[in-house]
Amino acid sequence: MLHCLTDYEPKILLAFGESLKKKRKFTDFLLHNGFPELAALSASIHSDTEAFDWLLENGFPEFAALSDAIDDEYLAIAWLKKYKCNFLSKFAAACRKEDEAIKWFADNDLLIFILIIKTIHDILLYQSWDSSDMHKRRRS
């Protein structure tokens, strides 16, 4: 059985959103209250490869695919479509700032998800700035 973000209560989704903002107490809440997959998804969205692997190894391949689909990875986008993860596909598209997907969330008054999408937009923007900062690049 595949999981979806719509499976979670609003308070859990709010904690996930705060975890995305790297607020440790919310990540700890998720970890210690039966939602380690959301803590791992949050870390994976922040490019944590161990968290991504944990999702794959612990029965949450759809969340690993979601993390990569948010980053516009073609194979992950195709995987979500193949396995009919329609909500996660639309969520990833909205995170990639695709207008039609953002409009769908607005039209359906899915405020909690809009807030999470906005947080992910901020993360992606920060990551793009970070990768273009020559002072933060690794030297080989």
C-alpha atoms as a PDB file:
ATOM      1  CA  MET A   1       0.000   0.000   0.000  1.00  0.00           C
ATOM      2  CA  LEU A   2       1.362   3.398  -0.971  1.00  0.00           C
ATOM      3  CA  HIS A   3       1.165   6.335   1.397  1.00  0.00           C
ATOM      4  CA  CYS A   4       0.067   9.894   0.689  1.00  0.00           C
ATOM      5  CA  LEU A   5       0.378  13.210   2.480  1.00  0.00           C
ATOM      6  CA  THR A   6      -3.424  13.293   2.653  1.00  0.00           C
ATOM      7  CA  ASP A   7      -3.246  10.329   5.059  1.00  0.00           C
ATOM      8  CA  TYR A   8      -2.110  12.630   7.887  1.00  0.00           C
ATOM      9  CA  GLU A   9      -4.071  14.831  10.281  1.00  0.00           C
ATOM     10  CA  PRO A  10      -3.602  18.602   9.992  1.00  0.00           C
ATOM     11  CA  LYS A  11      -1.541  18.846  13.208  1.00  0.00           C
ATOM     12  CA  ILE A  12       0.898  16.235  11.854  1.00  0.00           C
ATOM     13  CA  LEU A  13       1.134  18.114   8.555  1.00  0.00           C
ATOM     14  CA  LEU A  14       1.807  21.343  10.478  1.00  0.00           C
ATOM     15  CA  ALA A  15       4.626  19.582  12.348  1.00  0.00           C
ATOM     16  CA  PHE A  16       5.978  18.354   9.000  1.00  0.00           C
ATOM     17  CA  GLY A  17       5.919  21.924   7.679  1.00  0.00           C
ATOM     18  CA  GLU A  18       7.831  23.159  10.721  1.00  0.00           C
ATOM     19  CA  SER A  19      10.282  20.277  10.392  1.00  0.00           C
ATOM     20  CA  LEU A  20      10.941  21.454   6.831  1.00  0.00           C
ATOM     21  CA  LYS A  21      11.961  24.797   8.363  1.00  0.00           C
ATOM     22  CA  LYS A  22      14.608  22.838  10.329  1.00  0.00           C
ATOM     23  CA  LYS A  23      12.863  23.336  13.645  1.00  0.00           C
ATOM     24  CA  ARG A  24      14.330  20.397  15.535  1.00  0.00           C
ATOM     25  CA  LYS A  25      11.565  20.049  18.128  1.00  0.00           C
ATOM     26  CA  PHE A  26       9.059  19.324  15.340  1.00  0.00           C
ATOM     27  CA  THR A  27      11.374  16.801  13.694  1.00  0.00           C
ATOM     28  CA  ASP A  28      11.794  15.148  17.102  1.00  0.00           C
ATOM     29  CA  PHE A  29       8.010  15.161  17.567  1.00  0.00           C
ATOM     30  CA  LEU A  30       7.592  13.339  14.243  1.00  0.00           C
ATOM     31  CA  LEU A  31      10.356  10.857  15.093  1.00  0.00           C
ATOM     32  CA  HIS A  32       9.023  10.017  18.550  1.00  0.00           C
ATOM     33  CA  ASN A  33       5.305   9.961  17.786  1.00  0.00           C
ATOM     34  CA  GLY A  34       5.101   7.417  14.996  1.00  0.00           C
ATOM     35  CA  PHE A  35       5.876   9.536  11.944  1.00  0.00           C
ATOM     36  CA  PRO A  36       9.565   8.886  11.166  1.00  0.00           C
ATOM     37  CA  GLU A  37       8.721   8.825   7.450  1.00  0.00           C
ATOM     38  CA  LEU A  38       7.752  12.505   7.553  1.00  0.00           C
ATOM     39  CA  ALA A  39      10.949  13.393   9.405  1.00  0.00           C
ATOM     40  CA  ALA A  40      12.888  11.456   6.756  1.00  0.00           C
ATOM     41  CA  LEU A  41      10.960  13.140   3.932  1.00  0.00           C
ATOM     42  CA  SER A  42      11.753  16.539   5.428  1.00  0.00           C
ATOM     43  CA  ALA A  43      15.457  15.673   5.611  1.00  0.00           C
ATOM     44  CA  SER A  44      15.394  14.174   2.108  1.00  0.00           C
ATOM     45  CA  ILE A  45      13.926  17.388   0.696  1.00  0.00           C
ATOM     46  CA  HIS A  46      16.951  19.070   2.299  1.00  0.00           C
ATOM     47  CA  SER A  47      19.184  16.726   0.225  1.00  0.00           C
ATOM     48  CA  ASP A  48      19.961  14.241   3.013  1.00  0.00           C
ATOM     49  CA  THR A  49      20.826  11.046   1.124  1.00  0.00           C
ATOM     50  CA  GLU A  50      20.665   8.877   4.269  1.00  0.00           C
ATOM     51  CA  ALA A  51      17.077  10.004   4.844  1.00  0.00           C
ATOM     52  CA  PHE A  52      16.276   9.301   1.183  1.00  0.00           C
ATOM     53  CA  ASP A  53      17.726   5.790   1.549  1.00  0.00           C
ATOM     54  CA  TRP A  54      15.772   5.274   4.784  1.00  0.00           C
ATOM     55  CA  LEU A  55      12.539   6.038   2.919  1.00  0.00           C
ATOM     56  CA  LEU A  56      13.388   3.430   0.276  1.00  0.00           C
ATOM     57  CA  GLU A  57      14.447   0.796   2.805  1.00  0.00           C
ATOM     58  CA  ASN A  58      11.479   1.252   5.143  1.00  0.00           C
ATOM     59  CA  GLY A  59       8.499   1.028   2.837  1.00  0.00           C
ATOM     60  CA  PHE A  60       8.083   4.622   1.690  1.00  0.00           C
ATOM     61  CA  PRO A  61       9.326   4.627  -1.932  1.00  0.00           C
ATOM     62  CA  GLU A  62       6.556   7.083  -2.862  1.00  0.00           C
ATOM     63  CA  PHE A  63       8.022   9.671  -0.470  1.00  0.00           C
ATOM     64  CA  ALA A  64      11.520   9.091  -1.862  1.00  0.00           C
ATOM     65  CA  ALA A  65      10.077   9.578  -5.352  1.00  0.00           C
ATOM     66  CA  LEU A  66       8.261  12.702  -4.140  1.00  0.00           C
ATOM     67  CA  SER A  67      11.519  14.163  -2.841  1.00  0.00           C
ATOM     68  CA  ASP A  68      13.207  13.613  -6.203  1.00  0.00           C
ATOM     69  CA  ALA A  69      10.140  14.749  -8.175  1.00  0.00           C
ATOM     70  CA  ILE A  70      10.224  18.040  -6.257  1.00  0.00           C
ATOM     71  CA  ASP A  71      13.778  18.399  -7.595  1.00  0.00           C
ATOM     72  CA  ASP A  72      12.441  17.827 -11.132  1.00  0.00           C
ATOM     73  CA  GLU A  73      13.979  14.362 -11.516  1.00  0.00           C
ATOM     74  CA  TYR A  74      12.285  12.866 -14.574  1.00  0.00           C
ATOM     75  CA  LEU A  75      12.383   9.241 -13.375  1.00  0.00           C
ATOM     76  CA  ALA A  76      10.779  10.148 -10.056  1.00  0.00           C
ATOM     77  CA  ILE A  77       8.033  12.131 -11.793  1.00  0.00           C
ATOM     78  CA  ALA A  78       7.407   9.146 -14.077  1.00  0.00           C
ATOM     79  CA  TRP A  79       7.397   6.739 -11.081  1.00  0.00           C
ATOM     80  CA  LEU A  80       4.715   8.760  -9.285  1.00  0.00           C
ATOM     81  CA  LYS A  81       2.595   8.765 -12.451  1.00  0.00           C
ATOM     82  CA  LYS A  82       3.136   5.046 -13.102  1.00  0.00           C
ATOM     83  CA  TYR A  83       1.956   4.127  -9.603  1.00  0.00           C
ATOM     84  CA  LYS A  84      -0.966   6.580  -9.780  1.00  0.00           C
ATOM     85  CA  CYS A  85       0.259   8.771  -6.924  1.00  0.00           C
ATOM     86  CA  ASN A  86      -1.851  11.592  -8.341  1.00  0.00           C
ATOM     87  CA  PHE A  87      -1.879  13.831  -5.283  1.00  0.00           C
ATOM     88  CA  LEU A  88       1.881  13.473  -4.760  1.00  0.00           C
ATOM     89  CA  SER A  89       2.458  14.173  -8.473  1.00  0.00           C
ATOM     90  CA  LYS A  90       0.395  17.351  -8.255  1.00  0.00           C
ATOM     91  CA  PHE A  91       2.113  18.330  -4.982  1.00  0.00           C
ATOM     92  CA  ALA A  92       5.576  17.896  -6.559  1.00  0.00           C
ATOM     93  CA  ALA A  93       4.462  19.917  -9.593  1.00  0.00           C
ATOM     94  CA  ALA A  94       3.260  22.724  -7.329  1.00  0.00           C
ATOM     95  CA  CYS A  95       6.592  22.610  -5.495  1.00  0.00           C
ATOM     96  CA  ARG A  96       8.268  23.019  -8.906  1.00  0.00           C
ATOM     97  CA  LYS A  97       6.074  26.128  -9.358  1.00  0.00           C
ATOM     98  CA  GLU A  98       3.940  24.697 -12.148  1.00  0.00           C
ATOM     99  CA  ASP A  99       1.023  27.134 -12.419  1.00  0.00           C
ATOM    100  CA  GLU A 100      -1.703  24.573 -13.102  1.00  0.00           C
ATOM    101  CA  ALA A 101      -0.791  22.554 -10.006  1.00  0.00           C
ATOM    102  CA  ILE A 102      -0.587  25.615  -7.764  1.00  0.00           C
ATOM    103  CA  LYS A 103      -3.992  26.726  -9.071  1.00  0.00           C
ATOM    104  CA  TRP A 104      -5.443  23.270  -8.276  1.00  0.00           C
ATOM    105  CA  PHE A 105      -4.359  23.539  -4.629  1.00  0.00           C
ATOM    106  CA  ALA A 106      -5.793  27.073  -4.419  1.00  0.00           C
ATOM    107  CA  ASP A 107      -9.056  26.106  -6.167  1.00  0.00           C
ATOM    108  CA  ASN A 108      -9.508  23.204  -3.737  1.00  0.00           C
ATOM    109  CA  ASP A 109      -8.750  25.419  -0.710  1.00  0.00           C
ATOM    110  CA  LEU A 110      -5.975  23.111   0.507  1.00  0.00           C
ATOM    111  CA  LEU A 111      -4.354  25.731   2.717  1.00  0.00           C
ATOM    112  CA  ILE A 112      -2.200  23.362   4.780  1.00  0.00           C
ATOM    113  CA  PHE A 113      -0.622  21.997   1.619  1.00  0.00           C
ATOM    114  CA  ILE A 114      -0.204  25.483   0.150  1.00  0.00           C
ATOM    115  CA  LEU A 115       1.752  26.463   3.271  1.00  0.00           C
ATOM    116  CA  ILE A 116       3.986  23.401   2.946  1.00  0.00           C
ATOM    117  CA  ILE A 117       4.498  24.078  -0.777  1.00  0.00           C
ATOM    118  CA  LYS A 118       5.507  27.661   0.031  1.00  0.00           C
ATOM    119  CA  THR A 119       8.035  26.377   2.574  1.00  0.00           C
ATOM    120  CA  ILE A 120       9.461  24.009  -0.051  1.00  0.00           C
ATOM    121  CA  HIS A 121       9.676  26.910  -2.550  1.00  0.00           C
ATOM    122  CA  ASP A 122      11.802  28.743   0.026  1.00  0.00           C
ATOM    123  CA  ILE A 123      14.016  25.677   0.546  1.00  0.00           C
ATOM    124  CA  LEU A 124      14.569  25.246  -3.191  1.00  0.00           C
ATOM    125  CA  LEU A 125      15.376  28.933  -3.587  1.00  0.00           C
ATOM    126  CA  TYR A 126      17.888  28.758  -0.739  1.00  0.00           C
ATOM    127  CA  GLN A 127      19.433  25.609  -2.223  1.00  0.00           C
ATOM    128  CA  SER A 128      19.836  27.313  -5.610  1.00  0.00           C
ATOM    129  CA  TRP A 129      21.484  30.325  -3.967  1.00  0.00           C
ATOM    130  CA  ASP A 130      23.707  28.039  -1.910  1.00  0.00           C
ATOM    131  CA  SER A 131      24.844  26.080  -4.964  1.00  0.00           C
ATOM    132  CA  SER A 132      25.679  29.265  -6.851  1.00  0.00           C
ATOM    133  CA  ASP A 133      27.707  30.767  -3.982  1.00  0.00           C
ATOM    134  CA  MET A 134      31.315  30.267  -4.997  1.00  0.00           C
ATOM    135  CA  HIS A 135      32.398  30.547  -1.340  1.00  0.00           C
ATOM    136  CA  LYS A 136      30.329  27.514  -0.394  1.00  0.00           C
ATOM    137  CA  ARG A 137      31.419  25.255  -3.250  1.00  0.00           C
ATOM    138  CA  ARG A 138      33.628  22.349  -2.445  1.00  0.00           C
ATOM    139  CA  ARG A 139      37.053  22.241  -3.922  1.00  0.00           C
ATOM    140  CA  SER A 140      38.238  18.921  -5.237  1.00  0.00           C
END
